[in-house]
Amino acid sequence: MDLSPLRQSPAFARLWIGSAIAGIGGQMTIVAVGLHIYAITGSTFAVAMVGTIALIPMIIAGLYGGMLADAFDRRTVALASASVAWLATIGLAAVAWTDVDSLWPFYVLTTLTSVAATITGTARQAITPRLVPRELLPAASALGGVSMGVMVTVGPAIAGVLVASVGFGWTYTADVILFTAAFLGIVTLPPIRPEGETHRPGLESVRTGLRFLRGAPNVRMSFIVDIIAMTFGRPHALFPAVGALVIGGGAVTVGVLTAAGAVGTLLCSLFSGRIGLVRRHGVAIGWAIGVYGAFVAGFGTVLAVLVLTGSTRPGTSIKEADVVALTIAAIMLAGTGAADNVSSIFRNTMLQTAVPDNMRGRLQGIFTVVVTGGPRIGDLYVGTAALLVSVWVPPLLGGLLIIALIALCLRLTPSFRTYDADHPTA
């Protein structure tokens, strides 16, 4: 792993550390909310609706946050949006401690958190190229994979244990405390205003960003392939049902399955030192997402075998779980995490090097909408398919669709296949 970005940019190091610590708490809350809603309703569809309801507000927030990042000090934008997310997390803790059983507070507060996180992520990603030299951006993206791996490994694992032992209130409260680390990383940044011509937030600013994207086939294709992967290859909304009805183990199984993808991300990032030598980023993205689809299909196959052979293990105790199936399923999900991390490194680097600074906020806003909105569409696909057919159908079918659609995209876009990192073109 290349640690040069941390050594050469103390500001980037502080931002990276603060985001990682706060992200652990954020991932705890994501898992806790899913478990909480499933405990109230017993419905996978109700869990999937958490992301679905937040989708449209997140799209608006991503676009507007991008405009803000291209018009004002990006540090101020990140600080304000992080404050909103922190207050929403406090609200979730209050709901849990007062034993509210209604679903609407969960939907409202998680939507507010998602909207604020979208704006924060947009500003933070636009900030990174100003803190790190261009040649170190792939290494910086790989370090982002390390932090994400830590977040989604440690956070869900802790959430599963805390929910099972001390309850939802303490789980959300722990996130409130950990969130304060995000402020330390942002407050210590220098002022970062966009370079070049700026545009006031408004419809014309969005149009300018979309016009740029229409004339940027490589960046546009990087968005499209990620939408495909996240729409058909994100089975997370199934985990509560898998833990309760298929593999068994309840909350602990949910934590293990959620953390498995992050373990793959983390291991991949720890051995990413030579990734900066890769020049054909478009081809690398295509292969990585194809492998991602194969691992998603593998996870679906594990569930299909259990369901179709009548070997399911209903139960919420980890002692009742099918350990062999859980292990194989976790390995498959670790593979998705590793493959997605490779794709993410090259997609981030392409966006940060091929897009001019004064457009970077708006393009990052659109990119953030893709990254965060795609999984919400995926939640709807997974929840609907599982409700209409069976729990194993969405990942198995989705993985096969990903492989086919990515192969088609590569064939139809020659410029994406020949993209050269030494001569980045949008």
Protein backbone atom coordinates (compact mmCIF):
# COMPACT_ATOMS: atom_id res chain seq x y z
CA MET A 1 0.00 0.00 0.00
CA ASP A 2 1.27 3.46 -0.95
CA LEU A 3 1.11 5.81 2.05
CA SER A 4 2.62 8.79 0.21
CA PRO A 5 -0.61 10.88 0.25
CA LEU A 6 -0.69 10.72 4.06
CA ARG A 7 2.97 11.70 4.38
CA GLN A 8 2.92 14.50 1.80
CA SER A 9 -0.41 16.08 2.79
CA PRO A 10 -1.14 16.41 6.54
CA ALA A 11 -4.50 18.03 5.68
CA PHE A 12 -5.50 14.99 3.64
CA ALA A 13 -4.31 12.72 6.47
CA ARG A 14 -6.51 14.51 9.02
CA LEU A 15 -9.53 14.42 6.70
CA TRP A 16 -8.94 10.74 5.97
CA ILE A 17 -8.62 9.75 9.65
CA GLY A 18 -11.65 11.80 10.75
CA SER A 19 -13.83 10.41 7.97
CA ALA A 20 -12.82 6.84 8.78
CA ILE A 21 -13.68 7.14 12.48
CA ALA A 22 -17.00 8.86 11.79
CA GLY A 23 -17.75 6.31 9.07
CA ILE A 24 -17.52 3.44 11.55
CA GLY A 25 -20.40 4.98 13.49
CA GLY A 26 -22.32 5.67 10.31
CA GLN A 27 -22.10 2.04 9.23
CA MET A 28 -23.23 0.96 12.70
CA THR A 29 -26.36 3.06 12.28
CA ILE A 30 -27.08 1.73 8.77
CA VAL A 31 -27.10 -1.83 10.07
CA ALA A 32 -28.99 -0.91 13.24
CA VAL A 33 -31.76 0.84 11.30
CA GLY A 34 -32.24 -2.21 9.08
CA LEU A 35 -32.41 -4.51 12.08
CA HIS A 36 -34.67 -2.09 13.96
CA ILE A 37 -37.21 -1.85 11.14
CA TYR A 38 -37.13 -5.60 10.57
CA ALA A 39 -37.70 -6.15 14.30
CA ILE A 40 -40.77 -3.88 14.15
CA THR A 41 -42.27 -5.19 10.90
CA GLY A 42 -40.63 -8.53 9.99
CA SER A 43 -40.60 -7.22 6.38
CA THR A 44 -37.61 -7.15 3.99
CA PHE A 45 -39.61 -4.76 1.81
CA ALA A 46 -39.92 -2.29 4.72
CA VAL A 47 -36.13 -2.46 5.17
CA ALA A 48 -35.58 -1.85 1.46
CA MET A 49 -37.85 1.21 1.59
CA VAL A 50 -35.31 3.02 3.79
CA GLY A 51 -33.12 3.55 0.74
CA THR A 52 -35.95 3.89 -1.74
CA ILE A 53 -37.62 6.78 0.09
CA ALA A 54 -34.30 8.62 0.33
CA LEU A 55 -33.51 8.28 -3.38
CA ILE A 56 -35.14 11.42 -4.82
CA PRO A 57 -33.96 13.73 -1.99
CA MET A 58 -30.44 12.33 -2.42
CA ILE A 59 -30.49 13.03 -6.16
CA ILE A 60 -31.49 16.63 -5.49
CA ALA A 61 -28.89 16.93 -2.71
CA GLY A 62 -26.11 15.56 -4.91
CA LEU A 63 -26.83 18.01 -7.70
CA TYR A 64 -27.28 20.98 -5.36
CA GLY A 65 -24.28 20.00 -3.24
CA GLY A 66 -22.15 19.89 -6.38
CA MET A 67 -23.25 23.41 -7.27
CA LEU A 68 -22.41 24.60 -3.76
CA ALA A 69 -18.94 23.00 -3.98
CA ASP A 70 -18.30 24.81 -7.28
CA ALA A 71 -19.51 28.17 -5.96
CA PHE A 72 -18.34 28.44 -2.33
CA ASP A 73 -15.61 27.35 0.04
CA ARG A 74 -15.75 23.55 -0.06
CA ARG A 75 -14.63 23.31 3.55
CA THR A 76 -17.65 25.35 4.70
CA VAL A 77 -20.04 23.25 2.61
CA ALA A 78 -18.68 20.03 4.12
CA LEU A 79 -18.86 21.38 7.67
CA ALA A 80 -22.47 22.57 7.36
CA SER A 81 -23.75 19.31 5.85
CA ALA A 82 -21.87 17.19 8.42
CA SER A 83 -23.59 19.16 11.18
CA VAL A 84 -27.01 18.29 9.75
CA ALA A 85 -26.12 14.59 9.58
CA TRP A 86 -24.95 14.65 13.19
CA LEU A 87 -28.22 16.18 14.39
CA ALA A 88 -30.22 13.55 12.46
CA THR A 89 -28.21 10.80 14.15
CA ILE A 90 -29.03 12.33 17.54
CA GLY A 91 -32.67 12.13 16.46
CA LEU A 92 -32.39 8.39 15.75
CA ALA A 93 -30.90 7.85 19.19
CA ALA A 94 -33.80 9.75 20.75
CA VAL A 95 -36.32 7.63 18.82
CA ALA A 96 -34.70 4.44 20.07
CA TRP A 97 -34.48 5.54 23.70
CA THR A 98 -38.16 6.54 23.72
CA ASP A 99 -39.25 3.18 22.20
CA VAL A 100 -41.04 4.67 19.19
CA ASP A 101 -42.49 1.85 17.03
CA SER A 102 -43.69 3.98 14.10
CA LEU A 103 -41.73 3.69 10.87
CA TRP A 104 -41.93 7.30 9.67
CA PRO A 105 -39.28 8.72 12.08
CA PHE A 106 -36.79 6.16 10.78
CA TYR A 107 -37.56 7.02 7.18
CA VAL A 108 -37.42 10.79 7.78
CA LEU A 109 -34.21 10.79 9.82
CA THR A 110 -32.34 8.32 7.61
CA THR A 111 -33.36 10.36 4.56
CA LEU A 112 -32.02 13.50 6.23
CA THR A 113 -28.78 11.70 7.10
CA SER A 114 -28.42 10.40 3.55
CA VAL A 115 -29.02 13.84 2.05
CA ALA A 116 -26.42 15.48 4.32
CA ALA A 117 -23.92 12.68 3.72
CA THR A 118 -24.35 13.08 -0.03
CA ILE A 119 -23.45 16.76 0.15
CA THR A 120 -20.53 16.09 2.50
CA GLY A 121 -19.17 13.36 0.24
CA THR A 122 -19.48 15.57 -2.83
CA ALA A 123 -17.52 18.38 -1.19
CA ARG A 124 -14.91 16.02 0.28
CA GLN A 125 -14.21 14.30 -3.05
CA ALA A 126 -13.84 17.68 -4.78
CA ILE A 127 -11.41 18.72 -2.04
CA THR A 128 -9.05 15.74 -2.39
CA PRO A 129 -7.40 16.75 -5.72
CA ARG A 130 -6.50 20.11 -4.12
CA LEU A 131 -4.71 18.38 -1.23
CA VAL A 132 -2.92 15.56 -3.09
CA PRO A 133 -0.64 15.73 -6.21
CA ARG A 134 -2.13 14.29 -9.37
CA GLU A 135 0.27 11.36 -9.55
CA LEU A 136 -0.79 10.26 -6.05
CA LEU A 137 -4.55 10.33 -6.67
CA PRO A 138 -4.78 6.55 -7.33
CA ALA A 139 -2.99 5.96 -4.02
CA ALA A 140 -5.35 8.40 -2.30
CA SER A 141 -8.33 6.52 -3.74
CA ALA A 142 -6.83 3.24 -2.53
CA LEU A 143 -6.52 4.75 0.94
CA GLY A 144 -10.19 5.60 0.65
CA GLY A 145 -10.72 1.88 0.12
CA VAL A 146 -8.81 1.20 3.34
CA SER A 147 -10.98 3.60 5.32
CA MET A 148 -14.14 2.21 3.73
CA GLY A 149 -12.97 -1.30 4.49
CA VAL A 150 -12.41 -0.39 8.11
CA MET A 151 -15.77 1.38 8.32
CA VAL A 152 -17.82 -1.43 6.85
CA THR A 153 -15.85 -4.17 8.62
CA VAL A 154 -15.77 -2.72 12.11
CA GLY A 155 -19.05 -0.76 12.06
CA PRO A 156 -21.51 -3.54 11.13
CA ALA A 157 -19.69 -6.09 13.29
CA ILE A 158 -19.98 -3.81 16.32
CA ALA A 159 -23.59 -2.99 15.43
CA GLY A 160 -24.57 -6.66 15.29
CA VAL A 161 -23.04 -7.30 18.71
CA LEU A 162 -24.38 -4.10 20.32
CA VAL A 163 -27.92 -4.59 19.03
CA ALA A 164 -27.92 -8.18 20.25
CA SER A 165 -26.47 -7.29 23.67
CA VAL A 166 -27.39 -3.75 24.79
CA GLY A 167 -30.04 -2.68 22.26
CA PHE A 168 -30.65 -0.04 19.63
CA GLY A 169 -30.38 3.05 21.84
CA TRP A 170 -26.75 2.46 22.79
CA THR A 171 -25.88 1.60 19.19
CA TYR A 172 -27.16 4.92 17.84
CA THR A 173 -25.58 6.81 20.77
CA ALA A 174 -22.18 5.32 19.93
CA ASP A 175 -22.55 6.73 16.40
CA VAL A 176 -23.32 10.18 17.84
CA ILE A 177 -20.02 10.09 19.76
CA LEU A 178 -17.90 8.75 16.90
CA PHE A 179 -19.35 11.31 14.49
CA THR A 180 -17.45 14.13 16.23
CA ALA A 181 -14.22 12.89 14.56
CA ALA A 182 -15.57 14.08 11.20
CA PHE A 183 -15.60 17.67 12.45
CA LEU A 184 -11.93 17.47 13.46
CA GLY A 185 -10.94 16.45 9.94
CA ILE A 186 -12.99 19.18 8.26
CA VAL A 187 -12.38 22.11 10.64
CA THR A 188 -8.59 21.82 10.31
CA LEU A 189 -8.68 22.12 6.50
CA PRO A 190 -7.58 25.37 4.86
CA PRO A 191 -10.21 27.34 2.89
CA ILE A 192 -10.69 25.63 -0.49
CA ARG A 193 -12.51 27.72 -3.08
CA PRO A 194 -12.96 26.46 -6.66
CA GLU A 195 -10.37 27.57 -9.21
CA GLY A 196 -11.37 29.38 -12.39
CA GLU A 197 -14.80 30.66 -13.40
CA THR A 198 -17.56 29.95 -10.90
CA HIS A 199 -21.33 29.79 -11.34
CA ARG A 200 -24.03 30.74 -8.87
CA PRO A 201 -26.10 27.77 -7.69
CA GLY A 202 -29.13 27.41 -9.89
CA LEU A 203 -30.59 25.71 -12.92
CA GLU A 204 -28.00 27.13 -15.30
CA SER A 205 -25.18 25.76 -13.16
CA VAL A 206 -26.73 22.27 -13.37
CA ARG A 207 -27.16 22.63 -17.12
CA THR A 208 -23.51 23.57 -17.49
CA GLY A 209 -22.46 20.44 -15.61
CA LEU A 210 -24.79 18.22 -17.64
CA ARG A 211 -23.54 19.76 -20.91
CA PHE A 212 -20.00 18.92 -19.86
CA LEU A 213 -21.05 15.35 -19.02
CA ARG A 214 -22.75 14.91 -22.41
CA GLY A 215 -19.42 15.77 -24.06
CA ALA A 216 -17.42 13.47 -21.73
CA PRO A 217 -17.99 9.88 -22.92
CA ASN A 218 -15.40 8.31 -20.63
CA VAL A 219 -16.66 9.92 -17.43
CA ARG A 220 -20.23 9.25 -18.50
CA MET A 221 -19.53 5.56 -19.08
CA SER A 222 -17.85 5.28 -15.66
CA PHE A 223 -21.17 6.45 -14.19
CA ILE A 224 -23.25 4.03 -16.27
CA VAL A 225 -21.26 0.91 -15.38
CA ASP A 226 -21.46 1.76 -11.69
CA ILE A 227 -25.24 2.17 -11.91
CA ILE A 228 -25.43 -1.29 -13.47
CA ALA A 229 -23.32 -2.84 -10.71
CA MET A 230 -25.21 -1.17 -7.88
CA THR A 231 -28.68 -1.78 -9.32
CA PHE A 232 -28.30 -5.52 -9.83
CA GLY A 233 -25.50 -6.39 -7.42
CA ARG A 234 -26.35 -5.04 -3.99
CA PRO A 235 -28.08 -7.71 -1.84
CA HIS A 236 -27.74 -5.89 1.52
CA ALA A 237 -31.49 -5.45 2.02
CA LEU A 238 -31.76 -9.26 2.06
CA PHE A 239 -29.39 -9.72 5.01
CA PRO A 240 -31.97 -9.48 7.84
CA ALA A 241 -34.12 -12.15 6.15
CA VAL A 242 -31.07 -14.28 5.36
CA GLY A 243 -30.00 -14.11 9.02
CA ALA A 244 -33.46 -14.92 10.32
CA LEU A 245 -34.81 -17.43 7.79
CA VAL A 246 -32.12 -18.88 5.48
CA ILE A 247 -28.66 -19.17 7.08
CA GLY A 248 -29.77 -18.35 10.63
CA GLY A 249 -27.85 -16.41 13.25
CA GLY A 250 -29.96 -13.25 13.31
CA ALA A 251 -28.20 -9.97 14.00
CA VAL A 252 -24.72 -11.51 14.20
CA THR A 253 -25.09 -13.07 10.74
CA VAL A 254 -26.24 -9.71 9.37
CA GLY A 255 -23.12 -8.11 10.83
CA VAL A 256 -20.85 -10.79 9.36
CA LEU A 257 -22.38 -10.58 5.88
CA THR A 258 -22.26 -6.79 5.85
CA ALA A 259 -18.68 -6.74 7.07
CA ALA A 260 -17.51 -9.37 4.59
CA GLY A 261 -17.59 -6.99 1.63
CA ALA A 262 -15.55 -4.49 3.58
CA VAL A 263 -12.99 -7.17 4.45
CA GLY A 264 -12.49 -7.70 0.73
CA THR A 265 -12.18 -3.96 0.18
CA LEU A 266 -9.66 -3.66 2.99
CA LEU A 267 -7.49 -6.58 1.87
CA CYS A 268 -7.53 -5.32 -1.71
CA SER A 269 -6.44 -1.84 -0.60
CA LEU A 270 -3.65 -3.19 1.62
CA PHE A 271 -2.04 -4.71 -1.49
CA SER A 272 -2.76 -1.78 -3.83
CA GLY A 273 0.74 -0.30 -4.00
CA ARG A 274 1.24 -1.06 -7.70
CA ILE A 275 -2.23 0.02 -8.78
CA GLY A 276 -0.87 3.44 -9.77
CA LEU A 277 1.11 1.75 -12.57
CA VAL A 278 -2.08 0.73 -14.41
CA ARG A 279 -2.75 3.08 -17.32
CA ARG A 280 -5.82 1.62 -19.11
CA HIS A 281 -8.38 2.59 -16.52
CA GLY A 282 -11.46 1.89 -18.66
CA VAL A 283 -10.47 -1.74 -19.25
CA ALA A 284 -9.61 -2.15 -15.56
CA ILE A 285 -13.04 -0.83 -14.55
CA GLY A 286 -14.81 -3.19 -16.94
CA TRP A 287 -12.98 -6.29 -15.75
CA ALA A 288 -13.40 -5.35 -12.09
CA ILE A 289 -17.17 -4.94 -12.42
CA GLY A 290 -17.46 -8.20 -14.37
CA VAL A 291 -15.71 -10.01 -11.52
CA TYR A 292 -18.02 -8.21 -9.09
CA GLY A 293 -21.02 -9.64 -10.92
CA ALA A 294 -19.58 -13.15 -10.74
CA PHE A 295 -19.20 -12.95 -6.96
CA VAL A 296 -22.74 -11.57 -6.55
CA ALA A 297 -24.06 -14.53 -8.56
CA GLY A 298 -22.00 -16.81 -6.31
CA PHE A 299 -23.72 -15.39 -3.22
CA GLY A 300 -27.10 -15.96 -4.84
CA THR A 301 -26.11 -19.54 -5.62
CA VAL A 302 -25.39 -20.21 -1.92
CA LEU A 303 -28.88 -19.00 -0.99
CA ALA A 304 -30.49 -20.93 -3.86
CA VAL A 305 -28.91 -24.20 -2.75
CA LEU A 306 -30.19 -23.75 0.81
CA VAL A 307 -33.71 -22.75 -0.20
CA LEU A 308 -34.23 -25.23 -3.04
CA THR A 309 -32.86 -28.19 -1.07
CA GLY A 310 -34.85 -27.33 2.06
CA SER A 311 -31.64 -26.84 4.09
CA THR A 312 -32.50 -23.44 5.57
CA ARG A 313 -31.81 -22.74 9.25
CA PRO A 314 -34.50 -20.39 10.62
CA GLY A 315 -33.48 -18.88 13.95
CA THR A 316 -31.90 -15.80 15.48
CA SER A 317 -29.20 -17.51 17.56
CA ILE A 318 -25.74 -17.76 16.02
CA LYS A 319 -25.50 -21.29 17.49
CA GLU A 320 -28.30 -22.35 15.13
CA ALA A 321 -26.67 -20.88 11.99
CA ASP A 322 -25.31 -22.90 9.06
CA VAL A 323 -21.64 -22.07 9.56
CA VAL A 324 -20.48 -23.59 6.25
CA ALA A 325 -23.04 -21.63 4.23
CA LEU A 326 -22.26 -18.47 6.19
CA THR A 327 -18.55 -18.86 5.47
CA ILE A 328 -19.03 -19.40 1.73
CA ALA A 329 -21.50 -16.51 1.52
CA ALA A 330 -19.05 -14.25 3.36
CA ILE A 331 -16.24 -15.22 0.95
CA MET A 332 -18.45 -14.33 -2.02
CA LEU A 333 -19.29 -10.96 -0.49
CA ALA A 334 -15.60 -10.34 0.28
CA GLY A 335 -14.94 -10.89 -3.43
CA THR A 336 -17.54 -8.24 -4.32
CA GLY A 337 -15.83 -5.80 -1.96
CA ALA A 338 -12.40 -6.36 -3.51
CA ALA A 339 -13.67 -6.07 -7.08
CA ASP A 340 -15.74 -2.97 -6.33
CA ASN A 341 -12.74 -1.33 -4.68
CA VAL A 342 -10.60 -1.78 -7.81
CA SER A 343 -13.38 -0.30 -9.93
CA SER A 344 -13.83 2.59 -7.47
CA ILE A 345 -10.13 3.50 -7.44
CA PHE A 346 -10.01 3.89 -11.22
CA ARG A 347 -13.40 5.61 -11.49
CA ASN A 348 -12.42 8.17 -8.84
CA THR A 349 -9.05 8.81 -10.45
CA MET A 350 -10.63 9.25 -13.89
CA LEU A 351 -13.08 11.80 -12.51
CA GLN A 352 -10.48 13.71 -10.51
CA THR A 353 -7.95 13.99 -13.35
CA ALA A 354 -10.12 14.36 -16.46
CA VAL A 355 -12.50 17.04 -15.08
CA PRO A 356 -11.38 20.69 -14.54
CA ASP A 357 -11.46 21.99 -10.96
CA ASN A 358 -14.30 24.48 -11.46
CA MET A 359 -16.52 21.66 -12.79
CA ARG A 360 -15.39 19.04 -10.31
CA GLY A 361 -18.02 19.78 -7.67
CA ARG A 362 -20.93 19.39 -10.07
CA LEU A 363 -19.51 16.24 -11.64
CA GLN A 364 -18.74 14.89 -8.17
CA GLY A 365 -22.33 15.70 -7.26
CA ILE A 366 -23.61 13.64 -10.18
CA PHE A 367 -21.09 10.92 -9.32
CA THR A 368 -22.23 10.93 -5.69
CA VAL A 369 -25.83 10.58 -6.84
CA VAL A 370 -24.76 7.55 -8.90
CA VAL A 371 -22.76 5.97 -6.06
CA THR A 372 -25.41 6.54 -3.40
CA GLY A 373 -28.54 6.49 -5.56
CA GLY A 374 -27.65 3.31 -7.44
CA PRO A 375 -27.82 1.17 -4.29
CA ARG A 376 -31.25 2.63 -3.51
CA ILE A 377 -32.53 1.47 -6.88
CA GLY A 378 -30.84 -1.82 -6.08
CA ASP A 379 -32.70 -2.00 -2.76
CA LEU A 380 -35.98 -1.58 -4.62
CA TYR A 381 -35.01 -4.29 -7.13
CA VAL A 382 -33.92 -6.68 -4.38
CA GLY A 383 -36.92 -6.05 -2.14
CA THR A 384 -39.42 -6.43 -4.99
CA ALA A 385 -37.83 -9.55 -6.51
CA ALA A 386 -37.50 -11.23 -3.10
CA LEU A 387 -41.13 -10.42 -2.31
CA LEU A 388 -42.46 -11.73 -5.64
CA VAL A 389 -40.19 -14.78 -6.10
CA SER A 390 -37.61 -15.81 -3.48
CA VAL A 391 -34.67 -14.44 -1.53
CA TRP A 392 -32.05 -16.10 -3.77
CA VAL A 393 -33.35 -14.77 -7.10
CA PRO A 394 -32.17 -11.10 -6.92
CA PRO A 395 -28.43 -11.80 -6.39
CA LEU A 396 -28.19 -14.76 -8.77
CA LEU A 397 -30.06 -13.10 -11.61
CA GLY A 398 -28.47 -9.71 -10.89
CA GLY A 399 -24.91 -11.03 -11.01
CA LEU A 400 -25.48 -12.63 -14.41
CA LEU A 401 -27.07 -9.41 -15.74
CA ILE A 402 -24.05 -7.38 -14.56
CA ILE A 403 -21.59 -9.58 -16.48
CA ALA A 404 -23.63 -9.36 -19.69
CA LEU A 405 -24.31 -5.62 -19.52
CA ILE A 406 -20.70 -4.65 -18.70
CA ALA A 407 -19.41 -6.67 -21.66
CA LEU A 408 -21.91 -4.83 -23.88
CA CYS A 409 -20.88 -1.40 -22.54
CA LEU A 410 -17.18 -2.05 -23.20
CA ARG A 411 -17.89 -3.17 -26.72
CA LEU A 412 -20.03 -0.10 -27.50
CA THR A 413 -17.55 2.50 -26.14
CA PRO A 414 -14.10 2.30 -27.83
CA SER A 415 -12.81 5.48 -26.12
CA PHE A 416 -13.48 3.94 -22.71
CA ARG A 417 -11.54 0.79 -23.66
CA THR A 418 -8.55 2.84 -24.85
CA TYR A 419 -8.55 5.42 -22.00
CA ASP A 420 -4.94 6.29 -21.07
CA ALA A 421 -4.25 7.68 -17.58
CA ASP A 422 -1.13 9.51 -18.89
CA HIS A 423 -3.39 11.54 -21.20
CA PRO A 424 -6.73 11.79 -19.35
CA THR A 425 -9.68 12.87 -21.46
CA ALA A 426 -13.19 13.23 -20.17
